[in-house]
C-alpha cells in the first residue's frame, strides 16, 4: 500500500518548515500569497489530503456536526436534515447522520458514537421512547453545542427549534369545525412526547371554544403508523358515537384512517380526515389529505443558524434561545366540505 503524503513530505520537498506548510494549508494570514500557492501546488502534486482527525485534535474543531433523527423514512425529518446540511455547507461543515429508529437505547448509542467521532456539536430530535436525558446532558457537560428540534424535552437546558404544536392542534380542529364537523375523533400516541401532548391540548381548546363536547369514545391513544390509524378507526367505528371527522397524530396515521373509512364504505369528506407534517404523499393519495405543515425547511435553517452562533461563542450556552415556528394549514379534499 502506497504511503499517504504528510505535511512533512511537502515541507521536505519545498525546503521549508512544517509550521509554514501547516499555516499555508490553513490559510493563516501571516503567510504570503506566493508561499501559500506554492504549498497548495506541491500538495496537489503529491496527492496530499487533510487528515481530519489529526486536524481536529490540534485545532479543537472537526468541522463536523452530528444530527440524530427518529427516522429518515418520515419526509419531515429528511427535509429538515437536508436544510441543515445545506446551511452548514456554507460554513464548511460536514454532517454525520444517525437514526434512532424511535429507540431510546439507539439514541443513547448515537450520542456516544458522535461524541467519539469528535463532532463539534449535535442537533437532535428525540425518539418516541426517550424520557431519560443523561446522554444529552453529557453533550452539554463536554462543552459541545447541542440543539434540540421538533421533539423536545423541558429538562434539556439547550436551545430549541420547534413548532407551536398547541396552535397546530388548535388550527386543525378549528378548520374541521369551520367545515361543519362536530363529532371529532383523535388518534394519537400514548408516548409522553411534548409535541403530541401540545397538539392534543390545542384540540381540546378548540372544542371548548366552539362549545363542542370532547367525546372520549372517539379518542384512541396508541402508536403512530398506518396500521395504528386503521386499528384506531375500527375501534372508534365500534363505539356508540359515530364520528364525522377524525384527526390523525401524523400523516401516516391519517392515511390509515382513510383506508379504514374506505373499507367501511364511509364517504370522505362526509367524514373528514386531517393529519400533521404535510408529507409529500398527502397531495397524491385519494382523496388528497389535509394536513398541518411543520415548516421542515425553516426548522432546519434555524437549527443551523443557532449552531453557528453557538460555536462562535466562548460559552455555547451563554444565551439559550428558543425558536418557535407557526404551523401552516394545508387544505385538501379530505376535509373540505364547503370550499376548495
Protein backbone atom coordinates (compact mmCIF):
# COMPACT_ATOMS: atom_id res chain seq x y z
CA UNK A 1 0.00 0.00 0.00
CA UNK A 2 1.33 3.41 -1.00
CA UNK A 3 2.23 5.62 1.96
CA UNK A 4 -0.03 8.63 2.47
CA UNK A 5 1.57 12.03 1.89
CA UNK A 6 2.04 14.15 5.02
CA UNK A 7 2.83 17.82 5.61
CA UNK A 8 6.39 16.69 6.43
CA UNK A 9 6.74 15.43 2.83
CA UNK A 10 5.54 18.79 1.46
CA UNK A 11 7.93 20.70 3.74
CA UNK A 12 10.86 18.48 2.73
CA UNK A 13 10.08 18.85 -0.99
CA UNK A 14 9.92 22.65 -0.75
CA UNK A 15 12.73 23.10 1.74
CA UNK A 16 10.54 24.99 4.20
CA UNK A 17 9.40 24.33 7.76
CA UNK A 18 6.45 22.10 8.68
CA UNK A 19 4.82 25.02 10.55
CA UNK A 20 4.94 27.12 7.37
CA UNK A 21 3.21 24.34 5.43
CA UNK A 22 0.59 24.00 8.15
CA UNK A 23 -0.14 27.74 8.20
CA UNK A 24 -0.36 27.86 4.42
CA UNK A 25 -2.80 24.94 4.25
CA UNK A 26 -4.96 26.56 6.94
CA UNK A 27 -4.98 29.98 5.25
CA UNK A 28 -3.28 31.75 8.15
CA UNK A 29 -2.90 35.47 7.16
CA UNK A 30 0.79 35.66 8.21
CA UNK A 31 1.73 33.51 5.19
CA UNK A 32 2.28 35.33 1.89
CA UNK A 33 0.03 34.50 -1.05
CA UNK A 34 3.07 33.33 -3.06
CA UNK A 35 4.11 30.84 -0.36
CA UNK A 36 0.54 29.67 0.15
CA UNK A 37 0.10 28.97 -3.56
CA UNK A 38 3.48 27.19 -3.68
CA UNK A 39 2.39 24.89 -0.84
CA UNK A 40 -1.04 24.24 -2.41
CA UNK A 41 0.52 23.36 -5.77
CA UNK A 42 3.02 20.97 -4.17
CA UNK A 43 0.23 19.42 -2.03
CA UNK A 44 -1.79 18.76 -5.18
CA UNK A 45 1.26 17.33 -6.98
CA UNK A 46 1.92 14.91 -4.09
CA UNK A 47 -1.81 13.97 -3.74
CA UNK A 48 -1.95 15.31 -0.21
CA UNK A 49 -5.30 15.11 1.61
CA UNK A 50 -6.12 16.57 5.02
CA UNK A 51 -6.11 14.21 7.99
CA UNK A 52 -9.31 15.47 9.62
CA UNK A 53 -8.80 13.57 12.84
CA UNK A 54 -5.32 14.98 13.35
CA UNK A 55 -6.53 18.41 12.36
CA UNK A 56 -9.39 18.28 14.87
CA UNK A 57 -7.03 17.22 17.64
CA UNK A 58 -4.72 20.15 17.01
CA UNK A 59 -7.38 22.81 16.40
CA UNK A 60 -10.09 21.57 18.76
CA UNK A 61 -12.53 21.64 15.84
CA UNK A 62 -13.53 18.84 13.47
CA UNK A 63 -15.89 20.94 11.32
CA UNK A 64 -18.41 18.12 11.54
CA UNK A 65 -21.75 18.12 13.30
CA UNK A 66 -23.86 15.15 14.33
CA UNK A 67 -27.57 15.01 13.58
CA UNK A 68 -29.86 12.49 15.28
CA UNK A 69 -33.40 11.93 13.99
CA UNK A 70 -36.01 9.27 14.79
CA UNK A 71 -36.14 8.10 11.15
CA UNK A 72 -35.37 9.32 7.65
CA UNK A 73 -38.44 7.49 6.35
CA UNK A 74 -40.55 10.41 7.51
CA UNK A 75 -40.30 13.17 4.92
CA UNK A 76 -40.35 15.90 7.57
CA UNK A 77 -37.05 14.70 9.07
CA UNK A 78 -35.48 14.11 5.65
CA UNK A 79 -36.38 17.66 4.63
CA UNK A 80 -35.12 19.15 7.90
CA UNK A 81 -31.78 17.29 7.62
CA UNK A 82 -31.38 18.41 4.01
CA UNK A 83 -31.90 22.01 5.10
CA UNK A 84 -29.43 21.68 8.00
CA UNK A 85 -26.77 20.25 5.68
CA UNK A 86 -27.37 22.89 3.01
CA UNK A 87 -26.92 25.73 5.51
CA UNK A 88 -23.86 24.27 7.26
CA UNK A 89 -22.07 23.56 3.97
CA UNK A 90 -21.89 27.34 3.53
CA UNK A 91 -19.63 27.33 6.61
CA UNK A 92 -17.55 24.30 5.52
CA UNK A 93 -19.22 21.90 7.94
CA UNK A 94 -19.85 18.24 7.20
CA UNK A 95 -22.73 16.27 8.65
CA UNK A 96 -22.79 12.87 10.35
CA UNK A 97 -26.31 11.41 10.46
CA UNK A 98 -27.65 8.89 12.97
CA UNK A 99 -31.16 7.39 13.06
CA UNK A 100 -32.54 6.32 16.43
CA UNK A 101 -35.39 4.37 14.80
CA UNK A 102 -37.61 5.58 17.65
CA UNK A 103 -35.42 3.69 20.16
CA UNK A 104 -34.11 5.32 23.34
CA UNK A 105 -31.16 2.89 23.52
CA UNK A 106 -30.24 3.56 19.90
CA UNK A 107 -30.42 7.28 20.60
CA UNK A 108 -28.05 6.91 23.58
CA UNK A 109 -25.65 4.93 21.40
CA UNK A 110 -25.93 7.57 18.69
CA UNK A 111 -24.88 10.35 21.05
CA UNK A 112 -21.96 8.24 22.29
CA UNK A 113 -20.85 7.41 18.75
CA UNK A 114 -20.98 11.03 17.60
CA UNK A 115 -19.06 12.30 20.62
CA UNK A 116 -16.38 9.67 19.99
CA UNK A 117 -16.21 10.93 16.40
CA UNK A 118 -15.22 14.35 17.83
CA UNK A 119 -18.17 16.26 16.34
CA UNK A 120 -18.35 19.95 17.22
CA UNK A 121 -21.97 19.64 18.23
CA UNK A 122 -25.21 17.67 17.92
CA UNK A 123 -28.63 18.61 16.56
CA UNK A 124 -31.24 16.10 17.70
CA UNK A 125 -34.94 15.26 17.64
CA UNK A 126 -35.94 12.82 20.37
CA UNK A 127 -37.25 9.29 19.85
CA UNK A 128 -40.76 8.38 21.00
CA UNK A 129 -39.23 6.27 23.79
CA UNK A 130 -37.00 8.98 25.24
CA UNK A 131 -37.71 10.07 28.82
CA UNK A 132 -34.23 9.97 30.41
CA UNK A 133 -31.85 12.66 29.14
CA UNK A 134 -28.45 11.93 30.73
CA UNK A 135 -26.93 11.28 27.28
CA UNK A 136 -27.84 14.79 26.13
CA UNK A 137 -26.61 16.30 29.38
CA UNK A 138 -23.24 14.68 28.62
CA UNK A 139 -23.06 16.68 25.37
CA UNK A 140 -23.56 19.89 27.35
CA UNK A 141 -21.07 18.77 30.01
CA UNK A 142 -18.40 18.33 27.33
CA UNK A 143 -18.97 21.88 26.12
CA UNK A 144 -20.31 20.75 22.75
CA UNK A 145 -23.11 22.69 21.11
CA UNK A 146 -26.48 20.92 21.49
CA UNK A 147 -29.71 21.93 19.76
CA UNK A 148 -33.00 20.06 20.16
CA UNK A 149 -35.60 20.40 17.41
CA UNK A 150 -39.22 19.38 16.84
CA UNK A 151 -39.47 16.73 19.59
CA UNK A 152 -38.16 18.43 22.70
CA UNK A 153 -37.77 17.82 26.43
CA UNK A 154 -38.33 20.54 29.03
CA UNK A 155 -35.39 19.42 31.19
CA UNK A 156 -32.72 19.69 28.49
CA UNK A 157 -31.01 23.06 29.07
CA UNK A 158 -30.18 23.72 25.43
CA UNK A 159 -31.51 25.84 22.56
CA UNK A 160 -34.71 24.61 20.92
CA UNK A 161 -36.29 24.94 17.49
CA UNK A 162 -39.88 23.74 17.38
CA UNK A 163 -43.35 24.26 16.02
CA UNK A 164 -46.13 25.86 18.02
CA UNK A 165 -47.80 22.47 18.39
CA UNK A 166 -50.63 23.76 20.58
CA UNK A 167 -51.52 26.10 17.72
CA UNK A 168 -51.16 23.19 15.27
CA UNK A 169 -53.74 21.11 17.14
CA UNK A 170 -55.98 24.14 17.54
CA UNK A 171 -55.67 25.04 13.84
CA UNK A 172 -56.50 21.51 12.63
CA UNK A 173 -59.54 21.27 14.90
CA UNK A 174 -60.83 24.78 14.13
CA UNK A 175 -60.62 24.01 10.41
CA UNK A 176 -62.79 20.92 10.91
CA UNK A 177 -65.30 22.88 12.99
CA UNK A 178 -65.49 25.59 10.32
CA UNK A 179 -66.29 22.86 7.79
CA UNK A 180 -69.25 21.80 9.91
CA UNK A 181 -67.78 18.79 11.71
CA UNK A 182 -68.97 18.40 15.31
CA UNK A 183 -68.15 14.88 16.49
CA UNK A 184 -64.38 14.85 16.11
CA UNK A 185 -62.14 11.92 17.00
CA UNK A 186 -58.38 11.88 17.57
CA UNK A 187 -55.92 9.00 17.12
CA UNK A 188 -52.58 9.84 18.71
CA UNK A 189 -49.61 8.33 20.54
CA UNK A 190 -49.59 7.19 24.15
CA UNK A 191 -45.95 8.32 24.50
CA UNK A 192 -45.15 11.31 26.70
CA UNK A 193 -43.71 13.50 23.97
CA UNK A 194 -44.41 17.22 24.33
CA UNK A 195 -45.39 17.93 20.73
CA UNK A 196 -48.17 15.32 20.72
CA UNK A 197 -49.45 16.42 24.11
CA UNK A 198 -49.47 20.03 22.92
CA UNK A 199 -51.39 19.12 19.77
CA UNK A 200 -54.00 17.35 21.84
CA UNK A 201 -54.27 20.36 24.17
CA UNK A 202 -54.90 22.55 21.12
CA UNK A 203 -57.63 20.11 20.04
CA UNK A 204 -59.26 20.35 23.47
CA UNK A 205 -59.09 24.16 23.46
CA UNK A 206 -60.71 24.44 20.02
CA UNK A 207 -63.59 22.15 21.03
CA UNK A 208 -64.17 24.10 24.24
CA UNK A 209 -64.11 27.43 22.42
CA UNK A 210 -66.72 26.15 19.94
CA UNK A 211 -68.91 24.72 22.69
CA UNK A 212 -68.46 21.17 21.39
CA UNK A 213 -68.01 18.14 23.65
CA UNK A 214 -64.84 16.09 23.81
CA UNK A 215 -66.12 12.57 23.19
CA UNK A 216 -63.88 10.08 24.99
CA UNK A 217 -65.18 7.19 22.86
CA UNK A 218 -63.58 8.89 19.86
CA UNK A 219 -60.12 9.28 21.42
CA UNK A 220 -57.58 6.50 20.81
CA UNK A 221 -54.05 6.53 22.22
CA UNK A 222 -51.53 4.01 20.92
CA UNK A 223 -48.94 4.12 18.16
CA UNK A 224 -48.43 6.39 15.16
CA UNK A 225 -48.47 4.46 11.90
CA UNK A 226 -50.74 3.46 9.04
CA UNK A 227 -51.60 0.26 10.93
CA UNK A 228 -52.40 2.24 14.09
CA UNK A 229 -54.66 4.53 12.06
CA UNK A 230 -56.57 1.54 10.70
CA UNK A 231 -56.97 -0.18 14.09
CA UNK A 232 -57.83 3.06 15.87
CA UNK A 233 -60.52 3.90 13.32
CA UNK A 234 -62.00 0.41 13.55
CA UNK A 235 -62.16 0.87 17.33
CA UNK A 236 -63.85 4.26 17.01
CA UNK A 237 -66.42 2.95 14.50
CA UNK A 238 -67.47 0.28 17.02
CA UNK A 239 -68.34 2.92 19.64
CA UNK A 240 -71.85 4.15 20.39
CA UNK A 241 -70.98 7.58 18.99
CA UNK A 242 -70.11 7.77 15.30
CA UNK A 243 -67.56 10.44 14.33
CA UNK A 244 -67.97 12.90 11.49
CA UNK A 245 -64.20 13.66 11.49
CA UNK A 246 -61.00 12.07 12.80
CA UNK A 247 -57.62 13.72 13.37
CA UNK A 248 -54.50 11.59 12.87
CA UNK A 249 -51.50 12.23 15.13
CA UNK A 250 -49.38 12.32 11.98
CA UNK A 251 -49.95 11.86 8.25
CA UNK A 252 -49.16 8.14 8.30
CA UNK A 253 -51.85 7.61 10.92
CA UNK A 254 -54.22 9.76 8.85
CA UNK A 255 -53.62 7.51 5.81
CA UNK A 256 -54.62 4.52 7.96
CA UNK A 257 -57.78 6.39 8.97
CA UNK A 258 -58.65 6.97 5.31
CA UNK A 259 -58.08 3.30 4.48
CA UNK A 260 -60.31 2.13 7.35
CA UNK A 261 -63.09 4.56 6.43
CA UNK A 262 -62.96 3.40 2.82
CA UNK A 263 -63.10 -0.24 3.94
CA UNK A 264 -66.21 0.61 5.98
CA UNK A 265 -67.66 2.34 2.87
CA UNK A 266 -67.77 5.70 4.65
CA UNK A 267 -67.50 8.70 2.35
CA UNK A 268 -64.66 11.18 2.72
CA UNK A 269 -65.04 14.17 3.24
CA UNK A 270 -68.54 13.44 4.60
CA UNK A 271 -66.34 12.16 7.41
CA UNK A 272 -63.28 14.39 7.46
CA UNK A 273 -59.63 13.39 7.98
CA UNK A 274 -56.63 15.59 8.73
CA UNK A 275 -53.03 14.84 9.74
CA UNK A 276 -49.78 16.56 10.70
CA UNK A 277 -46.48 17.04 8.81
CA UNK A 278 -47.74 17.60 5.24
CA UNK A 279 -45.85 14.59 3.92
CA UNK A 280 -45.17 14.53 0.16
CA UNK A 281 -47.69 11.72 -0.36
CA UNK A 282 -50.50 13.83 1.15
CA UNK A 283 -51.23 15.52 -2.17
CA UNK A 284 -51.14 12.25 -4.18
CA UNK A 285 -53.46 9.92 -2.27
CA UNK A 286 -57.24 9.74 -2.87
CA UNK A 287 -58.75 11.85 -1.51
CA UNK A 288 -55.89 14.26 -1.06
CA UNK A 289 -55.08 14.70 2.64
CA UNK A 290 -55.45 17.96 4.55
CA UNK A 291 -52.51 18.43 6.89
CA UNK A 292 -50.59 20.84 9.10
CA UNK A 293 -47.26 21.84 7.56
CA UNK A 294 -44.48 21.90 10.19
CA UNK A 295 -42.08 24.09 8.18
CA UNK A 296 -39.35 21.46 7.98
CA UNK A 297 -37.06 23.58 5.78
CA UNK A 298 -37.35 26.59 8.04
CA UNK A 299 -36.76 24.42 11.11
CA UNK A 300 -33.55 23.03 9.60
CA UNK A 301 -32.34 26.52 8.69
CA UNK A 302 -32.96 27.82 12.20
CA UNK A 303 -31.09 24.85 13.72
CA UNK A 304 -28.07 25.55 11.52
CA UNK A 305 -28.12 29.27 12.37
CA UNK A 306 -28.29 28.55 16.09
CA UNK A 307 -25.41 26.09 15.81
CA UNK A 308 -23.16 28.59 14.02
CA UNK A 309 -23.96 31.18 16.67
CA UNK A 310 -23.14 28.73 19.49
CA UNK A 311 -19.78 27.59 18.10
CA UNK A 312 -18.62 31.19 17.82
CA UNK A 313 -19.34 31.88 21.49
CA UNK A 314 -16.82 31.17 24.25
CA UNK A 315 -19.66 29.54 26.20
CA UNK A 316 -22.16 27.91 23.79
CA UNK A 317 -24.86 28.13 26.44
CA UNK A 318 -24.48 31.75 27.49
CA UNK A 319 -27.71 32.54 25.64
CA UNK A 320 -30.19 29.64 25.39
CA UNK A 321 -32.61 30.57 22.64
CA UNK A 322 -35.97 29.07 21.73
CA UNK A 323 -37.27 29.46 18.18
CA UNK A 324 -40.98 28.70 17.78
CA UNK A 325 -42.39 28.46 14.25
CA UNK A 326 -46.02 28.89 13.24
CA UNK A 327 -47.93 25.91 11.78
CA UNK A 328 -49.46 26.23 8.32
CA UNK A 329 -52.85 24.72 7.47
CA UNK A 330 -52.89 22.96 4.09
CA UNK A 331 -56.49 22.36 3.00
CA UNK A 332 -57.18 19.44 0.68
CA UNK A 333 -60.15 17.28 -0.28
CA UNK A 334 -60.23 15.07 2.84
CA UNK A 335 -61.77 17.87 4.93
CA UNK A 336 -63.22 20.39 2.54
CA UNK A 337 -66.99 20.08 2.60
CA UNK A 338 -67.70 23.69 1.74
CA UNK A 339 -64.69 25.14 -0.10
CA UNK A 340 -61.88 24.18 -2.47
